[in-house]
């Protein structure tokens, strides 16, 4: 359960922004979406392969920039 304590003279918009940030970082929405939808194992493997290629490409481009 994600929660924040609102300070005494804190603006409600600022408190809401803090809550949203904490909620996003906790991964609750991501977990919810993952549990509510079913993906076939073959599609999961394909997506994992695509993610790893992107990650490797990103790492390679960072290495190239550094020198």
C-alpha atoms as a PDB file:
ATOM      1  CA  UNK A   1       0.000   0.000   0.000  1.00  0.00           C
ATOM      2  CA  UNK A   2       1.438   3.320  -1.077  1.00  0.00           C
ATOM      3  CA  UNK A   3       0.819   6.340   1.080  1.00  0.00           C
ATOM      4  CA  UNK A   4       2.241   9.716   1.974  1.00  0.00           C
ATOM      5  CA  UNK A   5       1.766  12.069   4.869  1.00  0.00           C
ATOM      6  CA  UNK A   6       0.707  15.569   3.888  1.00  0.00           C
ATOM      7  CA  UNK A   7       2.739  18.225   5.671  1.00  0.00           C
ATOM      8  CA  UNK A   8       0.968  20.940   7.610  1.00  0.00           C
ATOM      9  CA  UNK A   9       1.277  23.837   5.129  1.00  0.00           C
ATOM     10  CA  UNK A  10       1.884  21.762   2.010  1.00  0.00           C
ATOM     11  CA  UNK A  11       0.086  22.519  -1.212  1.00  0.00           C
ATOM     12  CA  UNK A  12      -2.277  19.686  -2.241  1.00  0.00           C
ATOM     13  CA  UNK A  13      -0.871  19.705  -5.784  1.00  0.00           C
ATOM     14  CA  UNK A  14       2.631  19.155  -4.441  1.00  0.00           C
ATOM     15  CA  UNK A  15       1.436  16.302  -2.220  1.00  0.00           C
ATOM     16  CA  UNK A  16      -0.401  14.711  -5.135  1.00  0.00           C
ATOM     17  CA  UNK A  17       2.714  14.958  -7.272  1.00  0.00           C
ATOM     18  CA  UNK A  18       4.737  13.224  -4.526  1.00  0.00           C
ATOM     19  CA  UNK A  19       2.120  10.484  -4.275  1.00  0.00           C
ATOM     20  CA  UNK A  20       2.088   9.894  -8.037  1.00  0.00           C
ATOM     21  CA  UNK A  21       5.867   9.645  -8.116  1.00  0.00           C
ATOM     22  CA  UNK A  22       5.904   7.149  -5.247  1.00  0.00           C
ATOM     23  CA  UNK A  23       3.073   5.153  -6.839  1.00  0.00           C
ATOM     24  CA  UNK A  24       4.889   5.003 -10.180  1.00  0.00           C
ATOM     25  CA  UNK A  25       8.160   3.901  -8.615  1.00  0.00           C
ATOM     26  CA  UNK A  26       6.492   1.127  -6.640  1.00  0.00           C
ATOM     27  CA  UNK A  27       5.404  -0.601  -9.858  1.00  0.00           C
ATOM     28  CA  UNK A  28       1.837  -1.293  -8.742  1.00  0.00           C
ATOM     29  CA  UNK A  29       0.265  -0.374 -12.079  1.00  0.00           C
ATOM     30  CA  UNK A  30       2.826  -2.417 -14.013  1.00  0.00           C
ATOM     31  CA  UNK A  31       2.149  -5.438 -11.800  1.00  0.00           C
ATOM     32  CA  UNK A  32      -1.608  -4.997 -12.197  1.00  0.00           C
ATOM     33  CA  UNK A  33      -1.383  -4.924 -15.990  1.00  0.00           C
ATOM     34  CA  UNK A  34       0.885  -7.957 -15.973  1.00  0.00           C
ATOM     35  CA  UNK A  35      -1.508  -9.981 -13.830  1.00  0.00           C
ATOM     36  CA  UNK A  36      -4.701  -9.017 -15.671  1.00  0.00           C
ATOM     37  CA  UNK A  37      -3.570  -9.974 -19.147  1.00  0.00           C
ATOM     38  CA  UNK A  38      -2.254 -13.295 -20.394  1.00  0.00           C
ATOM     39  CA  UNK A  39       0.557 -13.496 -22.893  1.00  0.00           C
ATOM     40  CA  UNK A  40       1.489 -16.722 -24.570  1.00  0.00           C
ATOM     41  CA  UNK A  41       4.923 -18.088 -23.644  1.00  0.00           C
ATOM     42  CA  UNK A  42       6.102 -17.829 -27.259  1.00  0.00           C
ATOM     43  CA  UNK A  43       5.215 -14.132 -27.361  1.00  0.00           C
ATOM     44  CA  UNK A  44       6.888 -13.603 -23.989  1.00  0.00           C
ATOM     45  CA  UNK A  45      10.115 -15.136 -25.320  1.00  0.00           C
ATOM     46  CA  UNK A  46       9.936 -12.966 -28.420  1.00  0.00           C
ATOM     47  CA  UNK A  47       9.431  -9.822 -26.325  1.00  0.00           C
ATOM     48  CA  UNK A  48      12.342 -10.778 -24.062  1.00  0.00           C
ATOM     49  CA  UNK A  49      14.579 -11.209 -27.120  1.00  0.00           C
ATOM     50  CA  UNK A  50      13.551  -7.786 -28.444  1.00  0.00           C
ATOM     51  CA  UNK A  51      14.219  -6.188 -25.049  1.00  0.00           C
ATOM     52  CA  UNK A  52      17.661  -7.756 -24.804  1.00  0.00           C
ATOM     53  CA  UNK A  53      18.569  -6.570 -28.312  1.00  0.00           C
ATOM     54  CA  UNK A  54      17.507  -3.026 -27.427  1.00  0.00           C
ATOM     55  CA  UNK A  55      19.459  -3.150 -24.178  1.00  0.00           C
ATOM     56  CA  UNK A  56      22.576  -4.407 -25.980  1.00  0.00           C
ATOM     57  CA  UNK A  57      22.201  -1.730 -28.639  1.00  0.00           C
ATOM     58  CA  UNK A  58      21.886   0.979 -25.991  1.00  0.00           C
ATOM     59  CA  UNK A  59      24.946  -0.291 -24.143  1.00  0.00           C
ATOM     60  CA  UNK A  60      26.928  -0.407 -27.383  1.00  0.00           C
ATOM     61  CA  UNK A  61      25.987   3.162 -28.280  1.00  0.00           C
ATOM     62  CA  UNK A  62      27.018   4.335 -24.802  1.00  0.00           C
ATOM     63  CA  UNK A  63      30.376   2.571 -25.191  1.00  0.00           C
ATOM     64  CA  UNK A  64      30.863   4.210 -28.595  1.00  0.00           C
ATOM     65  CA  UNK A  65      30.173   7.677 -27.177  1.00  0.00           C
ATOM     66  CA  UNK A  66      32.631   7.252 -24.336  1.00  0.00           C
ATOM     67  CA  UNK A  67      35.510   6.509 -26.538  1.00  0.00           C
END
